[in-house]
Amino acid sequence: MDKQAQEKFFRILKDTYETTVNKENISINEVIDHLKNELTPLYPKYPKCH
């Protein structure tokens, strides 16, 4: 992963954390879905895990 992709990856994690940490009743599935939606465009060339 190049430096720019690495920075974007960690920014997405940080933003996700900051937007969900204070929410009540948020499920882990919602967090995972959000991360998938954000990260998939970054790594379109990699095969899916499932």
C-alpha atoms as a PDB file:
ATOM      1  CA  MET A   1       0.000   0.000   0.000  1.00  0.00           C
ATOM      2  CA  ASP A   2       1.500   3.311  -0.997  1.00  0.00           C
ATOM      3  CA  LYS A   3       1.688   6.249   1.392  1.00  0.00           C
ATOM      4  CA  GLN A   4      -1.337   8.053  -0.064  1.00  0.00           C
ATOM      5  CA  ALA A   5      -3.535   4.944   0.108  1.00  0.00           C
ATOM      6  CA  GLN A   6      -2.340   4.277   3.651  1.00  0.00           C
ATOM      7  CA  GLU A   7      -3.242   7.803   4.741  1.00  0.00           C
ATOM      8  CA  LYS A   8      -6.691   7.532   3.157  1.00  0.00           C
ATOM      9  CA  PHE A   9      -7.258   4.129   4.784  1.00  0.00           C
ATOM     10  CA  PHE A  10      -6.476   5.442   8.261  1.00  0.00           C
ATOM     11  CA  ARG A  11      -8.508   8.614   7.674  1.00  0.00           C
ATOM     12  CA  ILE A  12     -11.520   6.447   6.813  1.00  0.00           C
ATOM     13  CA  LEU A  13     -11.018   4.421  10.009  1.00  0.00           C
ATOM     14  CA  LYS A  14     -10.698   7.587  12.085  1.00  0.00           C
ATOM     15  CA  ASP A  15     -13.742   9.219  10.494  1.00  0.00           C
ATOM     16  CA  THR A  16     -15.783   6.060  11.000  1.00  0.00           C
ATOM     17  CA  TYR A  17     -14.760   5.897  14.638  1.00  0.00           C
ATOM     18  CA  GLU A  18     -15.571   9.547  15.241  1.00  0.00           C
ATOM     19  CA  THR A  19     -19.008   9.332  13.628  1.00  0.00           C
ATOM     20  CA  THR A  20     -20.040   6.133  15.390  1.00  0.00           C
ATOM     21  CA  VAL A  21     -18.504   6.375  18.859  1.00  0.00           C
ATOM     22  CA  ASN A  22     -21.239   8.643  20.210  1.00  0.00           C
ATOM     23  CA  LYS A  23     -24.161   6.944  18.491  1.00  0.00           C
ATOM     24  CA  GLU A  24     -26.432   4.830  20.595  1.00  0.00           C
ATOM     25  CA  ASN A  25     -27.732   1.513  19.332  1.00  0.00           C
ATOM     26  CA  ILE A  26     -25.376   1.232  16.374  1.00  0.00           C
ATOM     27  CA  SER A  27     -24.670  -2.314  15.356  1.00  0.00           C
ATOM     28  CA  ILE A  28     -21.313  -3.710  14.358  1.00  0.00           C
ATOM     29  CA  ASN A  29     -22.887  -4.646  11.027  1.00  0.00           C
ATOM     30  CA  GLU A  30     -23.646  -0.994  10.322  1.00  0.00           C
ATOM     31  CA  VAL A  31     -20.038  -0.092  11.045  1.00  0.00           C
ATOM     32  CA  ILE A  32     -18.748  -2.920   8.844  1.00  0.00           C
ATOM     33  CA  ASP A  33     -21.079  -1.958   5.999  1.00  0.00           C
ATOM     34  CA  HIS A  34     -19.900   1.645   6.228  1.00  0.00           C
ATOM     35  CA  LEU A  35     -16.258   0.567   6.124  1.00  0.00           C
ATOM     36  CA  LYS A  36     -16.900  -1.724   3.154  1.00  0.00           C
ATOM     37  CA  ASN A  37     -18.593   1.103   1.260  1.00  0.00           C
ATOM     38  CA  GLU A  38     -15.722   3.471   1.983  1.00  0.00           C
ATOM     39  CA  LEU A  39     -12.853   1.053   1.388  1.00  0.00           C
ATOM     40  CA  THR A  40     -14.075  -0.831  -1.686  1.00  0.00           C
ATOM     41  CA  PRO A  41     -13.296   2.062  -4.066  1.00  0.00           C
ATOM     42  CA  LEU A  42      -9.747   2.163  -2.690  1.00  0.00           C
ATOM     43  CA  TYR A  43      -9.081  -1.495  -3.406  1.00  0.00           C
ATOM     44  CA  PRO A  44     -11.163  -2.464  -6.453  1.00  0.00           C
ATOM     45  CA  LYS A  45      -8.446  -4.657  -7.930  1.00  0.00           C
ATOM     46  CA  TYR A  46      -8.283  -7.038  -4.992  1.00  0.00           C
ATOM     47  CA  PRO A  47     -10.518 -10.130  -5.021  1.00  0.00           C
ATOM     48  CA  LYS A  48     -13.400 -10.311  -2.596  1.00  0.00           C
ATOM     49  CA  CYS A  49     -12.829 -12.292   0.573  1.00  0.00           C
ATOM     50  CA  HIS A  50     -16.086 -14.207   0.252  1.00  0.00           C
END
